[in-house]
Every structure is written in C-alpha cells, then in structure tokens.
Amino acid sequence: MSKVIFGQVGRLKASKIKEYEELHANPWPQVLQTIHDCNLRNYSIFREEDLVFAYFEYVGDDYEADMEKMAQDETTRRWWTFTKPCFETFAIRPDSKFYADMKQIFYFA
C-alpha cells in the first residue's frame, strides 16, 4: 500500500454554489463510508467564487478498481445525482467533464 496525493479542480454553476455547499455541510454517512472503503483519506474541498479544488490521499493498491467500486455503489451514485448537476462542464482534457486531476509539482512533508 502506498500513498498518492490528488488535487482536482472544477467549476460550479453560480446558481448551484449554495446547494453544493449545503450538500457537503451534511454529507450522507454511507457516502463517507464508501469514500473510506475505497481508500481515500484526508479528503478536503475548497471553494473560491465558482472554482472548487479538492485534495485527497489515496492509500490503496489499485486506484482504478477502487474508483470503479465507488462508481458501483448505489448510494454514491444517488449522491452524484445531486452533486454533479452543480458543476459546469469543465472539460479541460478529453477525459474530464466535471473536474480534472491536477499535476502535483511540489510536496514538502
């Protein structure tokens, strides 16, 4: 098991900022459990105006498999029906729609 650090960026619809913050002020316990079960730790989301930045550490051995496990979780998929409509399309790369993984360029522990 190793730790990989992720940063992600996305853009919220101006009309959905309050809703997005309210959802994350009271996250569903099962969604939080799934995040943990999929080996994500120290997950934080920051906002400045309509820009959101997420940080998390992945501590598992197979990120793709864990992300597929998360995507198959019924409660998480239902949660996404509320959160994903809050985002503008943010396709800065062909594989991004709502947010994009950022390249880490510096780390100091």
PDB file of N, CA and C in Angstrom:
ATOM      1  N   MET A   1       0.852  -1.176   0.000  1.00  0.00           N
ATOM      2  CA  MET A   1       0.000   0.000   0.000  1.00  0.00           C
ATOM      3  C   MET A   1       0.897   1.239   0.000  1.00  0.00           C
ATOM      4  N   SER A   2       0.572   2.167  -0.901  1.00  0.00           N
ATOM      5  CA  SER A   2       1.323   3.416  -0.963  1.00  0.00           C
ATOM      6  C   SER A   2       0.340   4.576  -0.913  1.00  0.00           C
ATOM      7  N   LYS A   3       0.865   5.773  -0.676  1.00  0.00           N
ATOM      8  CA  LYS A   3       0.023   6.957  -0.633  1.00  0.00           C
ATOM      9  C   LYS A   3       0.291   7.780  -1.872  1.00  0.00           C
ATOM     10  N   VAL A   4      -0.786   8.142  -2.575  1.00  0.00           N
ATOM     11  CA  VAL A   4      -0.701   9.014  -3.731  1.00  0.00           C
ATOM     12  C   VAL A   4      -1.596  10.212  -3.438  1.00  0.00           C
ATOM     13  N   ILE A   5      -1.096  11.403  -3.679  1.00  0.00           N
ATOM     14  CA  ILE A   5      -1.837  12.625  -3.392  1.00  0.00           C
ATOM     15  C   ILE A   5      -2.492  13.132  -4.674  1.00  0.00           C
ATOM     16  N   PHE A   6      -3.752  13.526  -4.564  1.00  0.00           N
ATOM     17  CA  PHE A   6      -4.501  14.035  -5.701  1.00  0.00           C
ATOM     18  C   PHE A   6      -4.991  15.444  -5.429  1.00  0.00           C
ATOM     19  N   GLY A   7      -4.966  16.268  -6.440  1.00  0.00           N
ATOM     20  CA  GLY A   7      -5.619  17.569  -6.448  1.00  0.00           C
ATOM     21  C   GLY A   7      -6.532  17.595  -7.661  1.00  0.00           C
ATOM     22  N   GLN A   8      -7.729  18.113  -7.487  1.00  0.00           N
ATOM     23  CA  GLN A   8      -8.678  18.200  -8.587  1.00  0.00           C
ATOM     24  C   GLN A   8      -9.273  19.600  -8.615  1.00  0.00           C
ATOM     25  N   VAL A   9      -9.633  20.050  -9.799  1.00  0.00           N
ATOM     26  CA  VAL A   9     -10.220  21.362  -9.960  1.00  0.00           C
ATOM     27  C   VAL A   9     -11.500  21.246 -10.788  1.00  0.00           C
ATOM     28  N   GLY A  10     -12.485  22.043 -10.438  1.00  0.00           N
ATOM     29  CA  GLY A  10     -13.740  22.077 -11.174  1.00  0.00           C
ATOM     30  C   GLY A  10     -14.384  23.440 -11.029  1.00  0.00           C
ATOM     31  N   ARG A  11     -15.457  23.659 -11.769  1.00  0.00           N
ATOM     32  CA  ARG A  11     -16.144  24.945 -11.739  1.00  0.00           C
ATOM     33  C   ARG A  11     -17.629  24.704 -11.492  1.00  0.00           C
ATOM     34  N   LEU A  12     -18.159  25.391 -10.475  1.00  0.00           N
ATOM     35  CA  LEU A  12     -19.573  25.265 -10.127  1.00  0.00           C
ATOM     36  C   LEU A  12     -20.424  26.248 -10.923  1.00  0.00           C
ATOM     37  N   LYS A  13     -21.666  25.871 -11.157  1.00  0.00           N
ATOM     38  CA  LYS A  13     -22.636  26.807 -11.703  1.00  0.00           C
ATOM     39  C   LYS A  13     -22.916  27.836 -10.611  1.00  0.00           C
ATOM     40  N   ALA A  14     -22.937  29.105 -10.962  1.00  0.00           N
ATOM     41  CA  ALA A  14     -23.141  30.162  -9.963  1.00  0.00           C
ATOM     42  C   ALA A  14     -24.432  29.942  -9.177  1.00  0.00           C
ATOM     43  N   SER A  15     -25.452  29.451  -9.842  1.00  0.00           N
ATOM     44  CA  SER A  15     -26.748  29.243  -9.185  1.00  0.00           C
ATOM     45  C   SER A  15     -26.765  28.021  -8.270  1.00  0.00           C
ATOM     46  N   LYS A  16     -25.698  27.209  -8.294  1.00  0.00           N
ATOM     47  CA  LYS A  16     -25.663  25.965  -7.521  1.00  0.00           C
ATOM     48  C   LYS A  16     -24.636  25.977  -6.395  1.00  0.00           C
ATOM     49  N   ILE A  17     -23.915  27.082  -6.224  1.00  0.00           N
ATOM     50  CA  ILE A  17     -22.864  27.133  -5.203  1.00  0.00           C
ATOM     51  C   ILE A  17     -23.429  26.863  -3.816  1.00  0.00           C
ATOM     52  N   LYS A  18     -24.504  27.542  -3.454  1.00  0.00           N
ATOM     53  CA  LYS A  18     -25.092  27.352  -2.121  1.00  0.00           C
ATOM     54  C   LYS A  18     -25.548  25.905  -1.927  1.00  0.00           C
ATOM     55  N   GLU A  19     -26.194  25.342  -2.928  1.00  0.00           N
ATOM     56  CA  GLU A  19     -26.661  23.947  -2.841  1.00  0.00           C
ATOM     57  C   GLU A  19     -25.489  22.987  -2.647  1.00  0.00           C
ATOM     58  N   TYR A  20     -24.419  23.191  -3.403  1.00  0.00           N
ATOM     59  CA  TYR A  20     -23.246  22.331  -3.297  1.00  0.00           C
ATOM     60  C   TYR A  20     -22.642  22.407  -1.895  1.00  0.00           C
ATOM     61  N   GLU A  21     -22.542  23.612  -1.365  1.00  0.00           N
ATOM     62  CA  GLU A  21     -22.004  23.761  -0.008  1.00  0.00           C
ATOM     63  C   GLU A  21     -22.921  23.127   1.031  1.00  0.00           C
ATOM     64  N   GLU A  22     -24.224  23.273   0.863  1.00  0.00           N
ATOM     65  CA  GLU A  22     -25.168  22.658   1.801  1.00  0.00           C
ATOM     66  C   GLU A  22     -25.082  21.139   1.759  1.00  0.00           C
ATOM     67  N   LEU A  23     -24.943  20.569   0.581  1.00  0.00           N
ATOM     68  CA  LEU A  23     -24.778  19.114   0.475  1.00  0.00           C
ATOM     69  C   LEU A  23     -23.544  18.653   1.253  1.00  0.00           C
ATOM     70  N   HIS A  24     -22.467  19.392   1.133  1.00  0.00           N
ATOM     71  CA  HIS A  24     -21.226  18.978   1.793  1.00  0.00           C
ATOM     72  C   HIS A  24     -21.171  19.367   3.268  1.00  0.00           C
ATOM     73  N   ALA A  25     -22.076  20.220   3.701  1.00  0.00           N
ATOM     74  CA  ALA A  25     -22.181  20.515   5.133  1.00  0.00           C
ATOM     75  C   ALA A  25     -22.825  19.348   5.873  1.00  0.00           C
ATOM     76  N   ASN A  26     -23.579  18.528   5.139  1.00  0.00           N
ATOM     77  CA  ASN A  26     -24.275  17.365   5.708  1.00  0.00           C
ATOM     78  C   ASN A  26     -24.135  16.163   4.791  1.00  0.00           C
ATOM     79  N   PRO A  27     -22.919  15.669   4.598  1.00  0.00           N
ATOM     80  CA  PRO A  27     -22.745  14.537   3.685  1.00  0.00           C
ATOM     81  C   PRO A  27     -23.408  13.281   4.233  1.00  0.00           C
ATOM     82  N   TRP A  28     -23.860  12.451   3.320  1.00  0.00           N
ATOM     83  CA  TRP A  28     -24.520  11.211   3.715  1.00  0.00           C
ATOM     84  C   TRP A  28     -23.499  10.238   4.315  1.00  0.00           C
ATOM     85  N   PRO A  29     -23.796   9.665   5.466  1.00  0.00           N
ATOM     86  CA  PRO A  29     -22.842   8.750   6.117  1.00  0.00           C
ATOM     87  C   PRO A  29     -22.394   7.595   5.219  1.00  0.00           C
ATOM     88  N   GLN A  30     -23.290   7.028   4.430  1.00  0.00           N
ATOM     89  CA  GLN A  30     -22.906   5.906   3.561  1.00  0.00           C
ATOM     90  C   GLN A  30     -21.922   6.351   2.480  1.00  0.00           C
ATOM     91  N   VAL A  31     -22.068   7.574   2.000  1.00  0.00           N
ATOM     92  CA  VAL A  31     -21.118   8.095   1.015  1.00  0.00           C
ATOM     93  C   VAL A  31     -19.743   8.237   1.660  1.00  0.00           C
ATOM     94  N   LEU A  32     -19.702   8.759   2.869  1.00  0.00           N
ATOM     95  CA  LEU A  32     -18.427   8.881   3.583  1.00  0.00           C
ATOM     96  C   LEU A  32     -17.800   7.506   3.819  1.00  0.00           C
ATOM     97  N   GLN A  33     -18.617   6.516   4.138  1.00  0.00           N
ATOM     98  CA  GLN A  33     -18.103   5.162   4.348  1.00  0.00           C
ATOM     99  C   GLN A  33     -17.526   4.595   3.055  1.00  0.00           C
ATOM    100  N   THR A  34     -18.209   4.847   1.951  1.00  0.00           N
ATOM    101  CA  THR A  34     -17.704   4.372   0.654  1.00  0.00           C
ATOM    102  C   THR A  34     -16.386   5.042   0.308  1.00  0.00           C
ATOM    103  N   ILE A  35     -16.284   6.334   0.552  1.00  0.00           N
ATOM    104  CA  ILE A  35     -15.022   7.040   0.317  1.00  0.00           C
ATOM    105  C   ILE A  35     -13.908   6.369   1.115  1.00  0.00           C
ATOM    106  N   HIS A  36     -14.173   6.068   2.369  1.00  0.00           N
ATOM    107  CA  HIS A  36     -13.180   5.395   3.220  1.00  0.00           C
ATOM    108  C   HIS A  36     -12.873   3.991   2.704  1.00  0.00           C
ATOM    109  N   ASP A  37     -13.927   3.241   2.364  1.00  0.00           N
ATOM    110  CA  ASP A  37     -13.742   1.869   1.878  1.00  0.00           C
ATOM    111  C   ASP A  37     -12.960   1.819   0.569  1.00  0.00           C
ATOM    112  N   CYS A  38     -12.985   2.915  -0.182  1.00  0.00           N
ATOM    113  CA  CYS A  38     -12.253   2.999  -1.449  1.00  0.00           C
ATOM    114  C   CYS A  38     -10.876   3.638  -1.267  1.00  0.00           C
ATOM    115  N   ASN A  39     -10.440   3.694  -0.021  1.00  0.00           N
ATOM    116  CA  ASN A  39      -9.061   4.066   0.325  1.00  0.00           C
ATOM    117  C   ASN A  39      -8.705   5.533   0.098  1.00  0.00           C
ATOM    118  N   LEU A  40      -9.693   6.422   0.187  1.00  0.00           N
ATOM    119  CA  LEU A  40      -9.414   7.850   0.138  1.00  0.00           C
ATOM    120  C   LEU A  40      -9.343   8.380   1.560  1.00  0.00           C
ATOM    121  N   ARG A  41      -8.341   9.191   1.824  1.00  0.00           N
ATOM    122  CA  ARG A  41      -8.153   9.771   3.150  1.00  0.00           C
ATOM    123  C   ARG A  41      -7.886  11.271   3.010  1.00  0.00           C
ATOM    124  N   ASN A  42      -8.108  11.986   4.108  1.00  0.00           N
ATOM    125  CA  ASN A  42      -7.825  13.421   4.170  1.00  0.00           C
ATOM    126  C   ASN A  42      -8.428  14.168   2.982  1.00  0.00           C
ATOM    127  N   TYR A  43      -9.686  13.863   2.696  1.00  0.00           N
ATOM    128  CA  TYR A  43     -10.402  14.450   1.565  1.00  0.00           C
ATOM    129  C   TYR A  43     -10.914  15.824   1.981  1.00  0.00           C
ATOM    130  N   SER A  44     -10.521  16.844   1.256  1.00  0.00           N
ATOM    131  CA  SER A  44     -10.957  18.210   1.520  1.00  0.00           C
ATOM    132  C   SER A  44     -11.413  18.847   0.217  1.00  0.00           C
ATOM    133  N   ILE A  45     -12.413  19.719   0.304  1.00  0.00           N
ATOM    134  CA  ILE A  45     -12.860  20.501  -0.844  1.00  0.00           C
ATOM    135  C   ILE A  45     -12.830  21.971  -0.443  1.00  0.00           C
ATOM    136  N   PHE A  46     -12.248  22.784  -1.303  1.00  0.00           N
ATOM    137  CA  PHE A  46     -12.139  24.219  -1.083  1.00  0.00           C
ATOM    138  C   PHE A  46     -12.886  24.939  -2.209  1.00  0.00           C
ATOM    139  N   ARG A  47     -13.379  26.156  -1.905  1.00  0.00           N
ATOM    140  CA  ARG A  47     -14.066  26.940  -2.932  1.00  0.00           C
ATOM    141  C   ARG A  47     -13.621  28.388  -2.877  1.00  0.00           C
ATOM    142  N   GLU A  48     -13.418  28.967  -4.041  1.00  0.00           N
ATOM    143  CA  GLU A  48     -13.196  30.402  -4.202  1.00  0.00           C
ATOM    144  C   GLU A  48     -14.070  30.825  -5.380  1.00  0.00           C
ATOM    145  N   GLU A  49     -15.085  31.653  -5.076  1.00  0.00           N
ATOM    146  CA  GLU A  49     -16.074  32.016  -6.097  1.00  0.00           C
ATOM    147  C   GLU A  49     -16.673  30.714  -6.652  1.00  0.00           C
ATOM    148  N   ASP A  50     -16.600  30.497  -7.958  1.00  0.00           N
ATOM    149  CA  ASP A  50     -17.192  29.284  -8.536  1.00  0.00           C
ATOM    150  C   ASP A  50     -16.167  28.173  -8.765  1.00  0.00           C
ATOM    151  N   LEU A  51     -14.935  28.406  -8.386  1.00  0.00           N
ATOM    152  CA  LEU A  51     -13.873  27.414  -8.572  1.00  0.00           C
ATOM    153  C   LEU A  51     -13.768  26.526  -7.337  1.00  0.00           C
ATOM    154  N   VAL A  52     -13.752  25.216  -7.545  1.00  0.00           N
ATOM    155  CA  VAL A  52     -13.562  24.283  -6.432  1.00  0.00           C
ATOM    156  C   VAL A  52     -12.264  23.511  -6.639  1.00  0.00           C
ATOM    157  N   PHE A  53     -11.609  23.261  -5.522  1.00  0.00           N
ATOM    158  CA  PHE A  53     -10.381  22.479  -5.510  1.00  0.00           C
ATOM    159  C   PHE A  53     -10.556  21.382  -4.481  1.00  0.00           C
ATOM    160  N   ALA A  54     -10.289  20.150  -4.877  1.00  0.00           N
ATOM    161  CA  ALA A  54     -10.372  19.013  -3.953  1.00  0.00           C
ATOM    162  C   ALA A  54      -8.977  18.424  -3.773  1.00  0.00           C
ATOM    163  N   TYR A  55      -8.717  17.978  -2.551  1.00  0.00           N
ATOM    164  CA  TYR A  55      -7.454  17.328  -2.187  1.00  0.00           C
ATOM    165  C   TYR A  55      -7.811  16.030  -1.490  1.00  0.00           C
ATOM    166  N   PHE A  56      -7.137  14.953  -1.865  1.00  0.00           N
ATOM    167  CA  PHE A  56      -7.281  13.708  -1.108  1.00  0.00           C
ATOM    168  C   PHE A  56      -6.039  12.861  -1.300  1.00  0.00           C
ATOM    169  N   GLU A  57      -5.875  11.938  -0.356  1.00  0.00           N
ATOM    170  CA  GLU A  57      -4.775  10.989  -0.414  1.00  0.00           C
ATOM    171  C   GLU A  57      -5.358   9.608  -0.672  1.00  0.00           C
ATOM    172  N   TYR A  58      -4.787   8.894  -1.629  1.00  0.00           N
ATOM    173  CA  TYR A  58      -5.203   7.531  -1.930  1.00  0.00           C
ATOM    174  C   TYR A  58      -4.191   6.577  -1.302  1.00  0.00           C
ATOM    175  N   VAL A  59      -4.679   5.648  -0.465  1.00  0.00           N
ATOM    176  CA  VAL A  59      -3.779   4.768   0.277  1.00  0.00           C
ATOM    177  C   VAL A  59      -3.941   3.296  -0.104  1.00  0.00           C
ATOM    178  N   GLY A  60      -4.622   3.019  -1.192  1.00  0.00           N
ATOM    179  CA  GLY A  60      -4.829   1.640  -1.622  1.00  0.00           C
ATOM    180  C   GLY A  60      -3.778   1.175  -2.610  1.00  0.00           C
ATOM    181  N   ASP A  61      -4.064   0.042  -3.232  1.00  0.00           N
ATOM    182  CA  ASP A  61      -3.133  -0.563  -4.185  1.00  0.00           C
ATOM    183  C   ASP A  61      -3.625  -0.519  -5.626  1.00  0.00           C
ATOM    184  N   ASP A  62      -4.908  -0.228  -5.855  1.00  0.00           N
ATOM    185  CA  ASP A  62      -5.469  -0.245  -7.202  1.00  0.00           C
ATOM    186  C   ASP A  62      -6.511   0.867  -7.323  1.00  0.00           C
ATOM    187  N   TYR A  63      -6.041   2.053  -7.666  1.00  0.00           N
ATOM    188  CA  TYR A  63      -6.907   3.240  -7.724  1.00  0.00           C
ATOM    189  C   TYR A  63      -8.083   3.029  -8.687  1.00  0.00           C
ATOM    190  N   GLU A  64      -7.806   2.521  -9.864  1.00  0.00           N
ATOM    191  CA  GLU A  64      -8.873   2.333 -10.849  1.00  0.00           C
ATOM    192  C   GLU A  64      -9.946   1.388 -10.333  1.00  0.00           C
ATOM    193  N   ALA A  65      -9.542   0.301  -9.697  1.00  0.00           N
ATOM    194  CA  ALA A  65     -10.514  -0.647  -9.147  1.00  0.00           C
ATOM    195  C   ALA A  65     -11.321  -0.017  -8.021  1.00  0.00           C
ATOM    196  N   ASP A  66     -10.665   0.760  -7.174  1.00  0.00           N
ATOM    197  CA  ASP A  66     -11.390   1.416  -6.086  1.00  0.00           C
ATOM    198  C   ASP A  66     -12.354   2.477  -6.614  1.00  0.00           C
ATOM    199  N   MET A  67     -11.974   3.194  -7.674  1.00  0.00           N
ATOM    200  CA  MET A  67     -12.880   4.189  -8.249  1.00  0.00           C
ATOM    201  C   MET A  67     -14.069   3.504  -8.923  1.00  0.00           C
ATOM    202  N   GLU A  68     -13.844   2.330  -9.500  1.00  0.00           N
ATOM    203  CA  GLU A  68     -14.956   1.566 -10.077  1.00  0.00           C
ATOM    204  C   GLU A  68     -15.880   1.062  -8.970  1.00  0.00           C
ATOM    205  N   LYS A  69     -15.296   0.621  -7.868  1.00  0.00           N
ATOM    206  CA  LYS A  69     -16.093   0.202  -6.712  1.00  0.00           C
ATOM    207  C   LYS A  69     -16.968   1.355  -6.228  1.00  0.00           C
ATOM    208  N   MET A  70     -16.395   2.556  -6.163  1.00  0.00           N
ATOM    209  CA  MET A  70     -17.160   3.720  -5.744  1.00  0.00           C
ATOM    210  C   MET A  70     -18.283   4.003  -6.743  1.00  0.00           C
ATOM    211  N   ALA A  71     -17.969   3.913  -8.016  1.00  0.00           N
ATOM    212  CA  ALA A  71     -18.957   4.197  -9.058  1.00  0.00           C
ATOM    213  C   ALA A  71     -20.100   3.186  -9.065  1.00  0.00           C
ATOM    214  N   GLN A  72     -19.870   2.002  -8.540  1.00  0.00           N
ATOM    215  CA  GLN A  72     -20.902   0.974  -8.488  1.00  0.00           C
ATOM    216  C   GLN A  72     -21.764   1.050  -7.231  1.00  0.00           C
ATOM    217  N   ASP A  73     -21.352   1.852  -6.268  1.00  0.00           N
ATOM    218  CA  ASP A  73     -22.106   1.978  -5.020  1.00  0.00           C
ATOM    219  C   ASP A  73     -23.398   2.756  -5.271  1.00  0.00           C
ATOM    220  N   GLU A  74     -24.523   2.143  -4.982  1.00  0.00           N
ATOM    221  CA  GLU A  74     -25.828   2.741  -5.270  1.00  0.00           C
ATOM    222  C   GLU A  74     -26.042   4.075  -4.558  1.00  0.00           C
ATOM    223  N   THR A  75     -25.668   4.157  -3.295  1.00  0.00           N
ATOM    224  CA  THR A  75     -25.861   5.394  -2.545  1.00  0.00           C
ATOM    225  C   THR A  75     -24.984   6.514  -3.103  1.00  0.00           C
ATOM    226  N   THR A  76     -23.753   6.197  -3.459  1.00  0.00           N
ATOM    227  CA  THR A  76     -22.856   7.198  -4.026  1.00  0.00           C
ATOM    228  C   THR A  76     -23.385   7.682  -5.375  1.00  0.00           C
ATOM    229  N   ARG A  77     -23.889   6.766  -6.190  1.00  0.00           N
ATOM    230  CA  ARG A  77     -24.468   7.176  -7.478  1.00  0.00           C
ATOM    231  C   ARG A  77     -25.659   8.106  -7.256  1.00  0.00           C
ATOM    232  N   ARG A  78     -26.451   7.854  -6.236  1.00  0.00           N
ATOM    233  CA  ARG A  78     -27.589   8.727  -5.931  1.00  0.00           C
ATOM    234  C   ARG A  78     -27.083  10.092  -5.454  1.00  0.00           C
ATOM    235  N   TRP A  79     -26.040  10.104  -4.620  1.00  0.00           N
ATOM    236  CA  TRP A  79     -25.421  11.356  -4.149  1.00  0.00           C
ATOM    237  C   TRP A  79     -24.959  12.194  -5.347  1.00  0.00           C
ATOM    238  N   TRP A  80     -24.354  11.516  -6.324  1.00  0.00           N
ATOM    239  CA  TRP A  80     -23.871  12.222  -7.509  1.00  0.00           C
ATOM    240  C   TRP A  80     -25.006  12.841  -8.322  1.00  0.00           C
ATOM    241  N   THR A  81     -26.223  12.303  -8.210  1.00  0.00           N
ATOM    242  CA  THR A  81     -27.337  12.931  -8.936  1.00  0.00           C
ATOM    243  C   THR A  81     -27.646  14.309  -8.369  1.00  0.00           C
ATOM    244  N   PHE A  82     -27.192  14.579  -7.158  1.00  0.00           N
ATOM    245  CA  PHE A  82     -27.342  15.904  -6.555  1.00  0.00           C
ATOM    246  C   PHE A  82     -26.101  16.779  -6.781  1.00  0.00           C
ATOM    247  N   THR A  83     -24.900  16.176  -6.682  1.00  0.00           N
ATOM    248  CA  THR A  83     -23.685  16.980  -6.759  1.00  0.00           C
ATOM    249  C   THR A  83     -23.256  17.298  -8.184  1.00  0.00           C
ATOM    250  N   LYS A  84     -23.315  16.350  -9.089  1.00  0.00           N
ATOM    251  CA  LYS A  84     -22.814  16.586 -10.451  1.00  0.00           C
ATOM    252  C   LYS A  84     -23.559  17.694 -11.183  1.00  0.00           C
ATOM    253  N   PRO A  85     -24.884  17.836 -11.019  1.00  0.00           N
ATOM    254  CA  PRO A  85     -25.558  18.953 -11.696  1.00  0.00           C
ATOM    255  C   PRO A  85     -25.121  20.332 -11.187  1.00  0.00           C
ATOM    256  N   CYS A  86     -24.384  20.380 -10.092  1.00  0.00           N
ATOM    257  CA  CYS A  86     -23.887  21.655  -9.582  1.00  0.00           C
ATOM    258  C   CYS A  86     -22.699  22.176 -10.395  1.00  0.00           C
ATOM    259  N   PHE A  87     -22.090  21.312 -11.196  1.00  0.00           N
ATOM    260  CA  PHE A  87     -20.880  21.665 -11.924  1.00  0.00           C
ATOM    261  C   PHE A  87     -21.160  22.146 -13.337  1.00  0.00           C
ATOM    262  N   GLU A  88     -20.355  23.117 -13.754  1.00  0.00           N
ATOM    263  CA  GLU A  88     -20.264  23.469 -15.166  1.00  0.00           C
ATOM    264  C   GLU A  88     -19.463  22.369 -15.850  1.00  0.00           C
ATOM    265  N   THR A  89     -19.678  22.189 -17.130  1.00  0.00           N
ATOM    266  CA  THR A  89     -18.797  21.302 -17.884  1.00  0.00           C
ATOM    267  C   THR A  89     -17.409  21.916 -17.839  1.00  0.00           C
ATOM    268  N   PHE A  90     -16.437  21.130 -17.440  1.00  0.00           N
ATOM    269  CA  PHE A  90     -15.080  21.623 -17.228  1.00  0.00           C
ATOM    270  C   PHE A  90     -14.123  20.679 -17.935  1.00  0.00           C
ATOM    271  N   ALA A  91     -14.329  20.537 -19.226  1.00  0.00           N
ATOM    272  CA  ALA A  91     -13.574  19.558 -19.993  1.00  0.00           C
ATOM    273  C   ALA A  91     -12.264  20.158 -20.483  1.00  0.00           C
ATOM    274  N   ILE A  92     -11.308  20.278 -19.586  1.00  0.00           N
ATOM    275  CA  ILE A  92     -10.016  20.820 -19.993  1.00  0.00           C
ATOM    276  C   ILE A  92      -9.156  19.760 -20.676  1.00  0.00           C
ATOM    277  N   ARG A  93      -9.580  18.506 -20.545  1.00  0.00           N
ATOM    278  CA  ARG A  93      -8.960  17.384 -21.255  1.00  0.00           C
ATOM    279  C   ARG A  93     -10.087  16.479 -21.731  1.00  0.00           C
ATOM    280  N   PRO A  94      -9.829  15.643 -22.726  1.00  0.00           N
ATOM    281  CA  PRO A  94     -10.895  14.773 -23.240  1.00  0.00           C
ATOM    282  C   PRO A  94     -11.523  13.855 -22.181  1.00  0.00           C
ATOM    283  N   ASP A  95     -10.774  13.514 -21.121  1.00  0.00           N
ATOM    284  CA  ASP A  95     -11.291  12.591 -20.109  1.00  0.00           C
ATOM    285  C   ASP A  95     -11.926  13.303 -18.918  1.00  0.00           C
ATOM    286  N   SER A  96     -12.074  14.620 -18.981  1.00  0.00           N
ATOM    287  CA  SER A  96     -12.658  15.343 -17.857  1.00  0.00           C
ATOM    288  C   SER A  96     -13.995  15.940 -18.272  1.00  0.00           C
ATOM    289  N   LYS A  97     -14.951  15.911 -17.357  1.00  0.00           N
ATOM    290  CA  LYS A  97     -16.246  16.510 -17.632  1.00  0.00           C
ATOM    291  C   LYS A  97     -16.628  17.492 -16.536  1.00  0.00           C
ATOM    292  N   PHE A  98     -16.522  17.080 -15.280  1.00  0.00           N
ATOM    293  CA  PHE A  98     -16.932  17.929 -14.165  1.00  0.00           C
ATOM    294  C   PHE A  98     -15.735  18.504 -13.418  1.00  0.00           C
ATOM    295  N   TYR A  99     -14.643  17.761 -13.379  1.00  0.00           N
ATOM    296  CA  TYR A  99     -13.437  18.201 -12.699  1.00  0.00           C
ATOM    297  C   TYR A  99     -12.262  17.478 -13.336  1.00  0.00           C
ATOM    298  N   ALA A 100     -11.079  17.974 -13.096  1.00  0.00           N
ATOM    299  CA  ALA A 100      -9.883  17.382 -13.696  1.00  0.00           C
ATOM    300  C   ALA A 100      -8.832  17.163 -12.627  1.00  0.00           C
ATOM    301  N   ASP A 101      -8.122  16.043 -12.721  1.00  0.00           N
ATOM    302  CA  ASP A 101      -6.981  15.803 -11.849  1.00  0.00           C
ATOM    303  C   ASP A 101      -5.878  16.777 -12.230  1.00  0.00           C
ATOM    304  N   MET A 102      -5.227  17.308 -11.223  1.00  0.00           N
ATOM    305  CA  MET A 102      -4.138  18.253 -11.441  1.00  0.00           C
ATOM    306  C   MET A 102      -2.796  17.542 -11.265  1.00  0.00           C
ATOM    307  N   LYS A 103      -1.789  18.031 -11.917  1.00  0.00           N
ATOM    308  CA  LYS A 103      -0.427  17.516 -11.789  1.00  0.00           C
ATOM    309  C   LYS A 103       0.192  18.089 -10.528  1.00  0.00           C
ATOM    310  N   GLN A 104       0.708  17.220  -9.664  1.00  0.00           N
ATOM    311  CA  GLN A 104       1.410  17.685  -8.468  1.00  0.00           C
ATOM    312  C   GLN A 104       2.805  18.127  -8.877  1.00  0.00           C
ATOM    313  N   ILE A 105       3.175  19.332  -8.484  1.00  0.00           N
ATOM    314  CA  ILE A 105       4.500  19.838  -8.837  1.00  0.00           C
ATOM    315  C   ILE A 105       5.390  20.112  -7.633  1.00  0.00           C
ATOM    316  N   PHE A 106       4.827  20.037  -6.410  1.00  0.00           N
ATOM    317  CA  PHE A 106       5.632  20.270  -5.222  1.00  0.00           C
ATOM    318  C   PHE A 106       4.990  19.592  -4.036  1.00  0.00           C
ATOM    319  N   TYR A 107       5.795  19.030  -3.176  1.00  0.00           N
ATOM    320  CA  TYR A 107       5.339  18.437  -1.921  1.00  0.00           C
ATOM    321  C   TYR A 107       6.443  18.582  -0.902  1.00  0.00           C
ATOM    322  N   PHE A 108       6.087  19.001   0.292  1.00  0.00           N
ATOM    323  CA  PHE A 108       7.030  19.111   1.398  1.00  0.00           C
ATOM    324  C   PHE A 108       6.389  18.520   2.630  1.00  0.00           C
ATOM    325  N   ALA A 109       7.026  17.538   3.222  1.00  0.00           N
ATOM    326  CA  ALA A 109       6.468  16.902   4.433  1.00  0.00           C
ATOM    327  C   ALA A 109       7.304  17.277   5.645  1.00  0.00           C
TER     328      ALA A 109
END
